[in-house]
Amino acid sequence: MATDAELVDLQRTLYTSRNPTRRWLHVTRRARIHELIRQHLPAARGRALEVGPGSGVYLPLLAELFDEVVASDIEPAYLHSAHALTAVHENLSLQIDDITATTLPAGSFDLILCSEVIEHIADSQAALRNLAGLLAPSGVLVLSTPQRYSTLELTCRIAFLPGILQLVRSVYREAVLPTGHINLLTGAEVRSQLSAAGLAVRAEDLSGLYLPLVAEFGGRTGLRATQWLAHHLSTSRLRGLLWTQYFVARHATSPRRSSDARPAPAIHCEVTT
C-alpha cells in the first residue's frame, strides 16, 4: 500500500509526466477547474475552502482570488505538502478535518473546491451534505470526480492487479500507484447526491479520455487522435467513457446568476514531449 508521501509525490509527477496522454489528462483537469472557479466566482470573496488539496496546485489561485483560504484534509501528509505555500500566501491556513464529520464553521465559505476527493470516501453523501452546510447562502461548490464507467477507471481494474502493475510501471518508467478509488459515481449518482444535500447543479462539464495501448505507445500522434475522439464523445451518448466530470453547484434556494448560463470556455492545453 502506498504511503501518503508517495501519493503526494505521484500527484506532482502527473502534471509533468513523460507520457503525453497521462500529462494531458491531468493538465486539462487543472485548466478546467481554474476556468470554472474564475467563471463562477461568487459576489463575496471573503473565504474559500479546498477540501483535499493534494499537492496544492489550486491553492495559489484561490489565495489570489479570496481574502482567506483554508485547506483541509484528514491526512496530515497532504497538508504538510502544502505548508510551503503558507510562506508565500499569508492568507492561506491549513486545517486537519474529516469532511464526513467536519468541525469547520457552518455557512462560512463563499467558494468550496472539492476536486478528486469523494471517490476516496465511502460515504460521499455525508461529505456532500457537509460541504453544503459549510457553504455561505450565496456560496459556490466546484466539484470534480472520475466517471464510474470511464475507460480509464475500467482499465485500472486490470492494470493494478498483482503482476500487471509491475508491467505498467516498466512501460511508463515513472510512479504508478493504485488510485484508491473506492466510490466511483456516475453523473446521475453525483447529481442525485448533490440534490439530496440541498444543492442545485448550475453547470456541468466533462474532460479526458484514455485509450489503452494508444496512450502507452501512441505518443503525440496517439494523443491527437484521443483528443479528437474525446471532443466528439463529449456530446454523444458515449460521453460516460470520458474520465473526469465537473459540477458547479449552489444552494437550491440560491437564485441563478448570469455566469451559470454562460457556456464553459474551450480548454486548449499544450502538451510537449
Protein backbone atom coordinates (compact mmCIF):
# COMPACT_ATOMS: atom_id res chain seq x y z
CA MET A 1 0.00 0.00 0.00
CA ALA A 2 1.36 3.43 -0.93
CA THR A 3 2.39 5.84 1.79
CA ASP A 4 0.93 9.36 1.99
CA ALA A 5 4.29 10.83 0.92
CA GLU A 6 4.34 8.57 -2.16
CA LEU A 7 0.84 9.68 -3.09
CA VAL A 8 1.81 13.35 -2.81
CA ASP A 9 4.89 12.76 -4.99
CA LEU A 10 2.71 10.96 -7.52
CA GLN A 11 0.36 13.93 -7.81
CA ARG A 12 3.30 16.17 -8.65
CA THR A 13 4.56 13.66 -11.22
CA LEU A 14 1.23 13.52 -13.06
CA TYR A 15 1.48 17.14 -14.27
CA THR A 16 4.97 16.61 -15.67
CA SER A 17 4.65 13.00 -16.82
CA ARG A 18 6.83 11.97 -19.77
CA ASN A 19 3.75 10.24 -21.21
CA PRO A 20 1.78 12.78 -23.34
CA THR A 21 -1.66 11.31 -22.65
CA ARG A 22 -1.11 10.95 -18.92
CA ARG A 23 0.14 14.54 -18.72
CA TRP A 24 -2.74 15.84 -20.88
CA LEU A 25 -5.38 14.17 -18.70
CA HIS A 26 -4.20 15.97 -15.58
CA VAL A 27 -3.18 19.30 -17.10
CA THR A 28 -6.58 19.52 -18.78
CA ARG A 29 -8.37 18.87 -15.50
CA ARG A 30 -6.32 21.54 -13.75
CA ALA A 31 -7.08 24.06 -16.50
CA ARG A 32 -10.79 23.23 -16.46
CA ILE A 33 -11.05 23.73 -12.70
CA HIS A 34 -9.19 27.04 -12.95
CA GLU A 35 -11.69 28.15 -15.59
CA LEU A 36 -14.71 27.03 -13.58
CA ILE A 37 -13.51 28.85 -10.47
CA ARG A 38 -12.98 32.09 -12.39
CA GLN A 39 -16.23 31.74 -14.34
CA HIS A 40 -18.39 31.11 -11.25
CA LEU A 41 -16.76 33.39 -8.72
CA PRO A 42 -19.27 34.37 -6.03
CA ALA A 43 -20.00 38.04 -5.43
CA ALA A 44 -18.46 37.73 -1.97
CA ARG A 45 -14.81 36.69 -1.92
CA GLY A 46 -14.20 36.53 1.80
CA ARG A 47 -13.34 32.88 2.40
CA ALA A 48 -12.59 29.86 0.22
CA LEU A 49 -12.03 26.26 1.23
CA GLU A 50 -10.30 23.45 -0.60
CA VAL A 51 -11.10 20.00 0.73
CA GLY A 52 -8.30 17.57 -0.07
CA PRO A 53 -5.68 19.91 -1.60
CA GLY A 54 -3.31 17.10 -2.62
CA SER A 55 -0.09 18.67 -3.88
CA GLY A 56 -1.66 22.13 -3.64
CA VAL A 57 -1.97 23.01 -7.34
CA TYR A 58 -5.15 25.07 -6.84
CA LEU A 59 -4.24 26.89 -3.64
CA PRO A 60 -2.26 29.75 -5.28
CA LEU A 61 -5.25 30.68 -7.46
CA LEU A 62 -7.64 30.58 -4.51
CA ALA A 63 -5.24 32.70 -2.45
CA GLU A 64 -5.13 35.23 -5.28
CA LEU A 65 -8.91 35.47 -5.55
CA PHE A 66 -10.08 35.32 -1.91
CA ASP A 67 -9.25 37.21 1.27
CA GLU A 68 -8.80 33.99 3.23
CA VAL A 69 -8.23 30.40 2.12
CA VAL A 70 -8.42 27.23 4.21
CA ALA A 71 -7.03 23.91 3.01
CA SER A 72 -8.39 20.91 4.88
CA ASP A 73 -7.58 17.22 4.76
CA ILE A 74 -7.92 14.22 7.02
CA GLU A 75 -4.34 13.19 6.13
CA PRO A 76 -1.60 15.40 7.65
CA ALA A 77 0.85 14.41 4.87
CA TYR A 78 -1.18 16.29 2.27
CA LEU A 79 -1.32 19.39 4.44
CA HIS A 80 2.41 19.11 5.03
CA SER A 81 2.99 19.24 1.28
CA ALA A 82 1.01 22.50 1.14
CA HIS A 83 2.79 24.01 4.14
CA ALA A 84 5.43 25.74 1.99
CA LEU A 85 2.67 27.71 0.29
CA THR A 86 1.73 29.39 3.57
CA ALA A 87 5.05 31.26 3.47
CA VAL A 88 4.12 32.70 0.07
CA HIS A 89 0.42 33.25 0.70
CA GLU A 90 -0.18 34.71 4.14
CA ASN A 91 -3.94 34.37 3.71
CA LEU A 92 -3.66 30.56 3.49
CA SER A 93 -4.16 28.33 6.54
CA LEU A 94 -4.21 24.55 6.95
CA GLN A 95 -6.74 22.52 8.92
CA ILE A 96 -6.91 18.80 9.70
CA ASP A 97 -10.55 17.88 9.19
CA ASP A 98 -12.71 14.94 8.17
CA ILE A 99 -15.29 16.26 5.73
CA THR A 100 -17.69 13.44 6.64
CA ALA A 101 -17.69 14.73 10.24
CA THR A 102 -16.42 18.27 9.80
CA THR A 103 -15.71 20.67 12.64
CA LEU A 104 -15.32 23.69 10.33
CA PRO A 105 -17.79 26.56 10.90
CA ALA A 106 -21.09 26.17 9.09
CA GLY A 107 -22.08 28.60 6.36
CA SER A 108 -18.71 30.34 6.37
CA PHE A 109 -17.23 29.73 2.91
CA ASP A 110 -18.06 31.65 -0.26
CA LEU A 111 -16.45 29.03 -2.50
CA ILE A 112 -15.54 25.41 -1.83
CA LEU A 113 -13.35 23.35 -4.14
CA CYS A 114 -13.50 19.58 -3.81
CA SER A 115 -11.52 18.00 -6.64
CA GLU A 116 -10.85 14.25 -6.88
CA VAL A 117 -11.85 13.59 -3.28
CA ILE A 118 -15.28 11.96 -2.99
CA GLU A 119 -14.17 8.87 -4.92
CA HIS A 120 -11.88 8.16 -1.94
CA ILE A 121 -14.73 8.43 0.59
CA ALA A 122 -17.13 5.56 1.18
CA ASP A 123 -19.89 7.87 2.40
CA SER A 124 -19.80 10.55 -0.28
CA GLN A 125 -23.37 11.56 0.61
CA ALA A 126 -22.23 12.63 4.08
CA ALA A 127 -19.32 14.52 2.54
CA LEU A 128 -21.59 16.41 0.12
CA ARG A 129 -24.11 17.14 2.86
CA ASN A 130 -21.37 18.69 4.97
CA LEU A 131 -19.97 20.64 2.02
CA ALA A 132 -23.43 22.13 1.54
CA GLY A 133 -23.54 23.00 5.23
CA LEU A 134 -20.21 24.84 5.00
CA LEU A 135 -21.32 26.97 2.04
CA ALA A 136 -22.50 30.52 2.65
CA PRO A 137 -26.06 31.20 1.42
CA SER A 138 -24.76 32.50 -1.93
CA GLY A 139 -21.73 30.22 -1.98
CA VAL A 140 -20.44 28.07 -4.84
CA LEU A 141 -19.22 24.47 -4.82
CA VAL A 142 -16.82 23.34 -7.56
CA LEU A 143 -16.64 19.56 -7.61
CA SER A 144 -14.81 17.06 -9.79
CA THR A 145 -14.66 13.28 -9.63
CA PRO A 146 -13.92 10.45 -12.10
CA GLN A 147 -16.78 8.86 -14.01
CA ARG A 148 -17.54 5.36 -12.84
CA TYR A 149 -17.53 3.73 -16.28
CA SER A 150 -14.81 5.80 -17.93
CA THR A 151 -12.31 3.84 -19.96
CA LEU A 152 -9.53 4.83 -17.58
CA GLU A 153 -11.30 3.59 -14.45
CA LEU A 154 -12.37 0.36 -16.14
CA THR A 155 -8.80 -0.26 -17.32
CA CYS A 156 -7.41 0.44 -13.86
CA ARG A 157 -9.30 -2.56 -12.51
CA ILE A 158 -7.00 -4.71 -14.62
CA ALA A 159 -3.84 -2.59 -14.62
CA PHE A 160 -3.48 -2.63 -10.84
CA LEU A 161 -3.75 -6.39 -10.46
CA PRO A 162 -0.64 -8.05 -8.98
CA GLY A 163 1.97 -8.68 -11.65
CA ILE A 164 0.34 -6.41 -14.21
CA LEU A 165 1.16 -3.32 -12.12
CA GLN A 166 4.88 -4.04 -12.47
CA LEU A 167 4.47 -4.27 -16.26
CA VAL A 168 2.62 -0.93 -16.33
CA ARG A 169 5.41 0.71 -14.34
CA SER A 170 8.01 -0.60 -16.76
CA VAL A 171 6.09 0.97 -19.66
CA TYR A 172 5.62 4.40 -18.04
CA ARG A 173 9.05 4.43 -16.32
CA GLU A 174 7.67 6.66 -13.55
CA ALA A 175 5.49 6.39 -10.45
CA VAL A 176 2.30 4.37 -10.97
CA LEU A 177 0.26 3.64 -7.84
CA PRO A 178 -3.20 2.21 -7.17
CA THR A 179 -5.76 5.00 -7.28
CA GLY A 180 -7.56 4.25 -4.02
CA HIS A 181 -10.89 4.95 -5.73
CA ILE A 182 -13.41 3.10 -3.57
CA ASN A 183 -16.54 5.06 -4.51
CA LEU A 184 -16.80 5.82 -8.21
CA LEU A 185 -20.05 7.50 -9.22
CA THR A 186 -21.94 8.06 -12.43
CA GLY A 187 -23.09 11.54 -13.36
CA ALA A 188 -26.65 10.65 -12.37
CA GLU A 189 -25.45 9.48 -8.96
CA VAL A 190 -23.49 12.68 -8.34
CA ARG A 191 -26.47 14.82 -9.32
CA SER A 192 -28.74 12.78 -7.06
CA GLN A 193 -26.40 13.13 -4.08
CA LEU A 194 -25.97 16.86 -4.66
CA SER A 195 -29.75 17.26 -4.78
CA ALA A 196 -30.17 15.26 -1.56
CA ALA A 197 -27.65 17.64 0.05
CA GLY A 198 -29.82 20.61 -0.92
CA LEU A 199 -27.60 21.74 -3.78
CA ALA A 200 -28.64 22.55 -7.34
CA VAL A 201 -26.28 21.92 -10.24
CA ARG A 202 -25.70 25.15 -12.18
CA ALA A 203 -23.07 23.90 -14.65
CA GLU A 204 -21.53 20.59 -15.74
CA ASP A 205 -18.59 19.59 -17.88
CA LEU A 206 -16.53 16.56 -18.92
CA SER A 207 -12.93 16.07 -19.99
CA GLY A 208 -10.27 13.49 -20.67
CA LEU A 209 -10.22 10.17 -22.48
CA TYR A 210 -7.91 7.21 -22.06
CA LEU A 211 -7.41 4.68 -24.84
CA PRO A 212 -5.48 1.58 -23.72
CA LEU A 213 -2.24 0.96 -25.64
CA VAL A 214 -2.75 4.17 -27.65
CA ALA A 215 -1.85 6.13 -24.52
CA GLU A 216 1.17 3.96 -23.78
CA PHE A 217 2.61 3.61 -27.27
CA GLY A 218 0.95 6.21 -29.49
CA GLY A 219 2.98 9.24 -28.38
CA ARG A 220 1.81 12.63 -29.62
CA THR A 221 0.06 11.11 -32.64
CA GLY A 222 -1.97 8.89 -30.35
CA LEU A 223 -2.74 11.87 -28.13
CA ARG A 224 -4.09 13.90 -31.06
CA ALA A 225 -6.35 11.00 -32.04
CA THR A 226 -7.51 10.69 -28.43
CA GLN A 227 -8.26 14.42 -28.20
CA TRP A 228 -10.27 14.28 -31.42
CA LEU A 229 -12.31 11.34 -30.15
CA ALA A 230 -12.82 12.94 -26.72
CA HIS A 231 -14.23 16.05 -28.36
CA HIS A 232 -16.79 14.02 -30.32
CA LEU A 233 -17.71 11.77 -27.40
CA SER A 234 -18.44 14.78 -25.17
CA THR A 235 -21.72 15.43 -26.99
CA SER A 236 -22.67 11.82 -27.67
CA ARG A 237 -24.42 9.07 -25.74
CA LEU A 238 -20.97 7.61 -25.03
CA ARG A 239 -19.79 10.63 -23.01
CA GLY A 240 -19.74 8.40 -19.92
CA LEU A 241 -16.47 6.99 -21.28
CA LEU A 242 -14.72 10.30 -20.60
CA TRP A 243 -12.72 10.37 -17.41
CA THR A 244 -13.47 13.46 -15.33
CA GLN A 245 -16.85 15.01 -14.57
CA TYR A 246 -17.22 18.53 -13.18
CA PHE A 247 -20.12 20.15 -11.35
CA VAL A 248 -20.75 23.69 -10.18
CA ALA A 249 -23.47 23.75 -7.53
CA ARG A 250 -25.20 26.28 -5.29
CA HIS A 251 -27.84 26.06 -2.61
CA ALA A 252 -31.10 25.08 -4.29
CA THR A 253 -32.68 28.27 -2.91
CA SER A 254 -29.94 30.48 -4.36
CA PRO A 255 -31.03 32.46 -7.45
CA ARG A 256 -29.36 31.77 -10.77
CA ARG A 257 -26.59 34.09 -11.91
CA SER A 258 -25.59 35.08 -15.43
CA SER A 259 -22.35 33.10 -15.06
CA ASP A 260 -24.40 29.92 -14.59
CA ALA A 261 -25.84 30.31 -18.07
CA ARG A 262 -22.57 31.00 -19.89
CA PRO A 263 -21.14 28.05 -21.82
CA ALA A 264 -17.90 26.67 -20.50
CA PRO A 265 -14.91 28.05 -22.41
CA ALA A 266 -12.87 25.70 -24.55
CA ILE A 267 -9.67 24.47 -22.96
CA HIS A 268 -6.52 24.16 -25.05
CA CYS A 269 -3.62 22.57 -23.22
CA GLU A 270 -0.31 22.32 -24.99
CA VAL A 271 1.44 19.07 -24.17
CA THR A 272 5.09 18.92 -25.09
CA THR A 273 7.23 15.84 -25.28
